[in-house]
């Protein structure tokens, strides 16, 4: 039995040594990549559109064409961010959940 315990400890120690060696190699690779990136010129960030700016006309045309292809002739009335006007969303969600209320009394009908 002691042979198995001794062999287990040897295998465990070997696994620790191999894991540490792999961790050190990964750390060296990460450092080498970081050093090579600092030597190169930083990439120019793409300019962002302002929050209130209209989307490009090509995007609007592509979206309209995709909607027409999927649903047929439709007219886009308004496009805005989803985060605006959350009152409509929560009110609609509440109305939807209320419509699913099931009476808890099996002998009573709703409205009685």
N, C-alpha and C. Protein backbone atom coordinates (compact mmCIF):
# COMPACT_ATOMS: atom_id res chain seq x y z
N UNK A 1 0.81 -1.18 0.00
CA UNK A 1 0.00 0.00 0.00
C UNK A 1 0.87 1.26 0.00
N UNK A 2 1.97 1.24 0.71
CA UNK A 2 2.83 2.41 0.77
C UNK A 2 3.47 2.70 -0.58
N UNK A 3 3.65 1.69 -1.42
CA UNK A 3 4.19 1.90 -2.76
C UNK A 3 3.23 2.76 -3.59
N UNK A 4 1.92 2.47 -3.43
CA UNK A 4 0.92 3.23 -4.17
C UNK A 4 0.86 4.68 -3.70
N UNK A 5 0.98 4.89 -2.41
CA UNK A 5 0.97 6.24 -1.85
C UNK A 5 2.20 7.00 -2.33
N UNK A 6 3.36 6.36 -2.30
CA UNK A 6 4.59 7.00 -2.76
C UNK A 6 4.51 7.32 -4.25
N UNK A 7 3.99 6.40 -5.04
CA UNK A 7 3.82 6.63 -6.48
C UNK A 7 2.83 7.78 -6.73
N UNK A 8 1.77 7.85 -5.94
CA UNK A 8 0.79 8.94 -6.08
C UNK A 8 1.43 10.29 -5.81
N UNK A 9 2.26 10.36 -4.75
CA UNK A 9 2.94 11.62 -4.44
C UNK A 9 3.92 12.01 -5.54
N UNK A 10 4.61 11.04 -6.14
CA UNK A 10 5.53 11.33 -7.24
C UNK A 10 4.78 11.87 -8.45
N UNK A 11 3.67 11.25 -8.77
CA UNK A 11 2.88 11.71 -9.92
C UNK A 11 2.32 13.11 -9.65
N UNK A 12 1.85 13.34 -8.43
CA UNK A 12 1.34 14.65 -8.04
C UNK A 12 2.42 15.72 -8.14
N UNK A 13 3.61 15.40 -7.66
CA UNK A 13 4.73 16.35 -7.73
C UNK A 13 5.11 16.62 -9.18
N UNK A 14 5.11 15.60 -10.01
CA UNK A 14 5.43 15.77 -11.43
C UNK A 14 4.39 16.66 -12.11
N UNK A 15 3.12 16.47 -11.77
CA UNK A 15 2.06 17.30 -12.34
C UNK A 15 2.23 18.76 -11.93
N UNK A 16 2.65 18.99 -10.68
CA UNK A 16 2.88 20.36 -10.22
C UNK A 16 4.02 21.00 -10.99
N UNK A 17 5.11 20.26 -11.18
CA UNK A 17 6.26 20.80 -11.90
C UNK A 17 5.90 21.12 -13.34
N UNK A 18 5.17 20.22 -13.99
CA UNK A 18 4.78 20.45 -15.39
C UNK A 18 3.83 21.64 -15.48
N UNK A 19 2.89 21.75 -14.57
CA UNK A 19 1.94 22.88 -14.58
C UNK A 19 2.66 24.21 -14.39
N UNK A 20 3.62 24.25 -13.48
CA UNK A 20 4.38 25.48 -13.26
C UNK A 20 5.21 25.84 -14.50
N UNK A 21 5.80 24.84 -15.15
CA UNK A 21 6.58 25.10 -16.36
C UNK A 21 5.70 25.67 -17.46
N UNK A 22 4.51 25.11 -17.63
CA UNK A 22 3.59 25.61 -18.65
C UNK A 22 3.14 27.03 -18.31
N UNK A 23 2.87 27.30 -17.03
CA UNK A 23 2.45 28.65 -16.62
C UNK A 23 3.54 29.67 -16.88
N UNK A 24 4.79 29.31 -16.60
CA UNK A 24 5.91 30.22 -16.85
C UNK A 24 6.07 30.47 -18.35
N UNK A 25 5.93 29.43 -19.15
CA UNK A 25 6.03 29.60 -20.61
C UNK A 25 4.93 30.53 -21.13
N UNK A 26 3.72 30.35 -20.64
CA UNK A 26 2.61 31.21 -21.08
C UNK A 26 2.88 32.66 -20.67
N UNK A 27 3.38 32.86 -19.46
CA UNK A 27 3.68 34.22 -19.00
C UNK A 27 4.75 34.86 -19.87
N UNK A 28 5.77 34.10 -20.26
CA UNK A 28 6.83 34.64 -21.13
C UNK A 28 6.28 34.99 -22.51
N UNK A 29 5.39 34.17 -23.03
CA UNK A 29 4.78 34.46 -24.34
C UNK A 29 3.95 35.73 -24.26
N UNK A 30 3.16 35.87 -23.19
CA UNK A 30 2.34 37.07 -23.03
C UNK A 30 3.21 38.31 -22.92
N UNK A 31 4.30 38.23 -22.17
CA UNK A 31 5.20 39.38 -22.05
C UNK A 31 5.85 39.71 -23.39
N UNK A 32 6.23 38.69 -24.15
CA UNK A 32 6.85 38.94 -25.46
C UNK A 32 5.86 39.61 -26.41
N UNK A 33 4.61 39.19 -26.39
CA UNK A 33 3.60 39.80 -27.25
C UNK A 33 3.35 41.24 -26.81
N UNK A 34 3.31 41.49 -25.50
CA UNK A 34 3.08 42.85 -25.00
C UNK A 34 4.23 43.77 -25.40
N UNK A 35 5.45 43.29 -25.32
CA UNK A 35 6.60 44.11 -25.71
C UNK A 35 6.58 44.38 -27.20
N UNK A 36 6.22 43.39 -28.01
CA UNK A 36 6.19 43.60 -29.46
C UNK A 36 5.09 44.59 -29.85
N UNK A 37 4.00 44.63 -29.11
CA UNK A 37 2.92 45.58 -29.42
C UNK A 37 3.28 46.99 -29.03
N UNK A 38 4.05 47.18 -27.99
CA UNK A 38 4.41 48.53 -27.60
C UNK A 38 5.42 49.13 -28.56
N UNK A 39 6.22 48.29 -29.24
CA UNK A 39 7.17 48.79 -30.22
C UNK A 39 6.48 49.25 -31.49
N UNK A 40 5.39 48.58 -31.86
CA UNK A 40 4.67 48.92 -33.09
C UNK A 40 3.84 50.18 -32.84
N UNK A 41 3.45 50.83 -33.93
CA UNK A 41 2.60 52.02 -33.82
C UNK A 41 1.22 51.61 -33.35
N UNK A 42 0.61 52.38 -32.47
CA UNK A 42 -0.75 52.03 -32.04
C UNK A 42 -1.73 52.26 -33.18
N UNK A 43 -2.70 51.39 -33.28
CA UNK A 43 -3.70 51.51 -34.34
C UNK A 43 -4.58 52.72 -34.07
N UNK A 44 -4.96 53.41 -35.12
CA UNK A 44 -5.82 54.58 -34.99
C UNK A 44 -7.24 54.10 -34.72
N UNK A 45 -7.87 54.58 -33.66
CA UNK A 45 -9.25 54.16 -33.39
C UNK A 45 -10.20 54.76 -34.42
N UNK A 46 -11.24 54.02 -34.72
CA UNK A 46 -12.23 54.49 -35.68
C UNK A 46 -13.07 55.58 -35.02
N UNK A 47 -13.36 56.65 -35.74
CA UNK A 47 -14.20 57.69 -35.15
C UNK A 47 -15.61 57.16 -34.91
N UNK A 48 -16.17 57.51 -33.76
CA UNK A 48 -17.52 57.07 -33.42
C UNK A 48 -18.52 58.15 -33.78
N UNK A 49 -19.71 57.72 -34.11
CA UNK A 49 -20.77 58.68 -34.39
C UNK A 49 -21.29 59.24 -33.08
N UNK A 50 -21.73 60.46 -33.11
CA UNK A 50 -22.35 61.05 -31.93
C UNK A 50 -23.68 60.35 -31.66
N UNK A 51 -24.12 60.37 -30.42
CA UNK A 51 -25.33 59.65 -30.04
C UNK A 51 -26.55 60.16 -30.78
N UNK A 52 -26.62 61.45 -31.06
CA UNK A 52 -27.78 62.00 -31.73
C UNK A 52 -27.66 62.01 -33.25
N UNK A 53 -26.53 61.57 -33.79
CA UNK A 53 -26.32 61.62 -35.23
C UNK A 53 -27.16 60.56 -35.94
N UNK A 54 -27.61 60.88 -37.12
CA UNK A 54 -28.40 59.94 -37.91
C UNK A 54 -27.50 58.87 -38.50
N UNK A 55 -28.02 57.66 -38.67
CA UNK A 55 -27.21 56.60 -39.29
C UNK A 55 -26.97 56.93 -40.76
N UNK A 56 -25.94 56.36 -41.34
CA UNK A 56 -25.68 56.61 -42.75
C UNK A 56 -26.86 56.15 -43.62
N UNK A 57 -27.07 56.83 -44.71
CA UNK A 57 -28.19 56.52 -45.59
C UNK A 57 -28.11 55.11 -46.15
N UNK A 58 -26.88 54.61 -46.39
CA UNK A 58 -26.72 53.25 -46.92
C UNK A 58 -27.24 52.22 -45.91
N UNK A 59 -27.04 52.48 -44.62
CA UNK A 59 -27.52 51.54 -43.61
C UNK A 59 -29.05 51.52 -43.57
N UNK A 60 -29.64 52.71 -43.63
CA UNK A 60 -31.10 52.79 -43.61
C UNK A 60 -31.68 52.09 -44.84
N UNK A 61 -31.07 52.29 -45.99
CA UNK A 61 -31.55 51.64 -47.21
C UNK A 61 -31.42 50.12 -47.11
N UNK A 62 -30.30 49.64 -46.55
CA UNK A 62 -30.10 48.19 -46.43
C UNK A 62 -31.11 47.59 -45.46
N UNK A 63 -31.39 48.27 -44.36
CA UNK A 63 -32.37 47.76 -43.40
C UNK A 63 -33.76 47.74 -44.01
N UNK A 64 -34.10 48.80 -44.70
CA UNK A 64 -35.42 48.86 -45.35
C UNK A 64 -35.56 47.76 -46.40
N UNK A 65 -34.51 47.50 -47.17
CA UNK A 65 -34.56 46.44 -48.18
C UNK A 65 -34.70 45.07 -47.52
N UNK A 66 -34.02 44.86 -46.40
CA UNK A 66 -34.12 43.57 -45.71
C UNK A 66 -35.54 43.37 -45.15
N UNK A 67 -36.14 44.42 -44.60
CA UNK A 67 -37.51 44.31 -44.09
C UNK A 67 -38.48 44.05 -45.23
N UNK A 68 -38.29 44.73 -46.33
CA UNK A 68 -39.17 44.52 -47.49
C UNK A 68 -39.05 43.09 -48.01
N UNK A 69 -37.81 42.55 -48.03
CA UNK A 69 -37.62 41.19 -48.52
C UNK A 69 -38.26 40.16 -47.59
N UNK A 70 -38.24 40.43 -46.29
CA UNK A 70 -38.79 39.46 -45.33
C UNK A 70 -40.29 39.59 -45.16
N UNK A 71 -40.80 40.82 -45.07
CA UNK A 71 -42.19 41.03 -44.69
C UNK A 71 -43.06 41.57 -45.81
N UNK A 72 -42.48 42.04 -46.85
CA UNK A 72 -43.26 42.69 -47.89
C UNK A 72 -43.20 44.19 -47.71
N UNK A 73 -44.11 44.89 -48.36
CA UNK A 73 -44.09 46.35 -48.33
C UNK A 73 -44.50 46.86 -46.95
N UNK A 74 -43.61 47.59 -46.30
CA UNK A 74 -43.86 48.22 -45.01
C UNK A 74 -43.25 49.60 -45.03
N UNK A 75 -43.71 50.42 -44.15
CA UNK A 75 -43.17 51.77 -44.04
C UNK A 75 -42.57 51.94 -42.65
N UNK A 76 -41.29 52.29 -42.57
CA UNK A 76 -40.64 52.53 -41.29
C UNK A 76 -41.02 53.93 -40.86
N UNK A 77 -41.70 54.03 -39.72
CA UNK A 77 -42.19 55.30 -39.24
C UNK A 77 -41.17 55.98 -38.35
N UNK A 78 -40.52 55.20 -37.48
CA UNK A 78 -39.63 55.81 -36.50
C UNK A 78 -38.56 54.81 -36.10
N UNK A 79 -37.32 55.28 -36.00
CA UNK A 79 -36.21 54.45 -35.53
C UNK A 79 -35.56 55.20 -34.39
N UNK A 80 -35.42 54.53 -33.25
CA UNK A 80 -34.72 55.13 -32.12
C UNK A 80 -34.10 54.03 -31.28
N UNK A 81 -33.25 54.45 -30.35
CA UNK A 81 -32.60 53.49 -29.47
C UNK A 81 -33.63 52.84 -28.56
N UNK A 82 -33.32 51.61 -28.15
CA UNK A 82 -34.22 50.86 -27.31
C UNK A 82 -34.28 51.40 -25.89
N UNK A 83 -33.21 52.02 -25.45
CA UNK A 83 -33.16 52.49 -24.06
C UNK A 83 -34.10 53.66 -23.80
N UNK A 84 -34.53 54.33 -24.83
CA UNK A 84 -35.45 55.46 -24.66
C UNK A 84 -36.86 54.95 -24.40
N UNK A 85 -37.62 55.73 -23.67
CA UNK A 85 -39.05 55.50 -23.46
C UNK A 85 -39.33 54.11 -22.91
N UNK A 86 -38.75 53.81 -21.78
CA UNK A 86 -38.95 52.49 -21.16
C UNK A 86 -40.34 52.35 -20.56
N UNK A 87 -41.06 53.44 -20.40
CA UNK A 87 -42.41 53.38 -19.82
C UNK A 87 -43.32 52.53 -20.70
N UNK A 88 -43.23 52.69 -22.02
CA UNK A 88 -44.06 51.91 -22.93
C UNK A 88 -43.73 50.42 -22.81
N UNK A 89 -42.45 50.13 -22.70
CA UNK A 89 -42.03 48.74 -22.60
C UNK A 89 -42.55 48.11 -21.31
N UNK A 90 -42.37 48.79 -20.20
CA UNK A 90 -42.81 48.21 -18.93
C UNK A 90 -44.34 48.12 -18.86
N UNK A 91 -45.04 49.11 -19.41
CA UNK A 91 -46.50 49.06 -19.40
C UNK A 91 -47.01 47.91 -20.27
N UNK A 92 -46.39 47.73 -21.42
CA UNK A 92 -46.78 46.61 -22.27
C UNK A 92 -46.49 45.27 -21.63
N UNK A 93 -45.35 45.17 -20.97
CA UNK A 93 -44.99 43.93 -20.29
C UNK A 93 -45.98 43.64 -19.15
N UNK A 94 -46.36 44.69 -18.40
CA UNK A 94 -47.32 44.51 -17.31
C UNK A 94 -48.67 44.05 -17.85
N UNK A 95 -49.12 44.68 -18.92
CA UNK A 95 -50.40 44.28 -19.51
C UNK A 95 -50.35 42.83 -19.99
N UNK A 96 -49.23 42.43 -20.54
CA UNK A 96 -49.08 41.06 -21.01
C UNK A 96 -49.14 40.07 -19.85
N UNK A 97 -48.44 40.39 -18.75
CA UNK A 97 -48.43 39.49 -17.60
C UNK A 97 -49.80 39.44 -16.92
N UNK A 98 -50.51 40.57 -16.86
CA UNK A 98 -51.82 40.59 -16.24
C UNK A 98 -52.80 39.75 -17.05
N UNK A 99 -52.64 39.74 -18.36
CA UNK A 99 -53.56 38.97 -19.19
C UNK A 99 -53.41 37.47 -18.97
N UNK A 100 -52.34 37.06 -18.33
CA UNK A 100 -52.12 35.63 -18.07
C UNK A 100 -52.52 35.22 -16.67
N UNK A 101 -53.16 36.12 -15.91
CA UNK A 101 -53.61 35.76 -14.56
C UNK A 101 -54.67 34.68 -14.65
N UNK A 102 -54.45 33.61 -13.95
CA UNK A 102 -55.39 32.50 -13.93
C UNK A 102 -56.08 32.51 -12.57
N UNK A 103 -57.40 32.37 -12.53
CA UNK A 103 -58.07 32.37 -11.23
C UNK A 103 -57.61 31.17 -10.41
N UNK A 104 -57.46 31.39 -9.10
CA UNK A 104 -56.99 30.33 -8.22
C UNK A 104 -58.12 29.48 -7.69
N UNK A 105 -59.36 29.94 -7.84
CA UNK A 105 -60.51 29.18 -7.36
C UNK A 105 -61.10 28.43 -8.56
N UNK A 106 -61.06 27.12 -8.54
CA UNK A 106 -61.51 26.37 -9.72
C UNK A 106 -63.01 26.50 -10.01
N UNK A 107 -63.84 26.85 -9.00
CA UNK A 107 -65.29 26.91 -9.23
C UNK A 107 -65.77 28.30 -9.58
N UNK A 108 -64.89 29.30 -9.48
CA UNK A 108 -65.26 30.66 -9.82
C UNK A 108 -64.77 30.99 -11.22
N UNK A 109 -65.60 31.66 -11.96
CA UNK A 109 -65.20 32.13 -13.27
C UNK A 109 -64.67 33.54 -13.13
N UNK A 110 -63.79 33.98 -14.02
CA UNK A 110 -63.30 35.35 -13.94
C UNK A 110 -64.46 36.35 -14.08
N UNK A 111 -64.47 37.36 -13.24
CA UNK A 111 -65.51 38.39 -13.29
C UNK A 111 -66.67 38.11 -12.37
N UNK A 112 -66.70 36.98 -11.68
CA UNK A 112 -67.80 36.70 -10.75
C UNK A 112 -67.52 37.29 -9.39
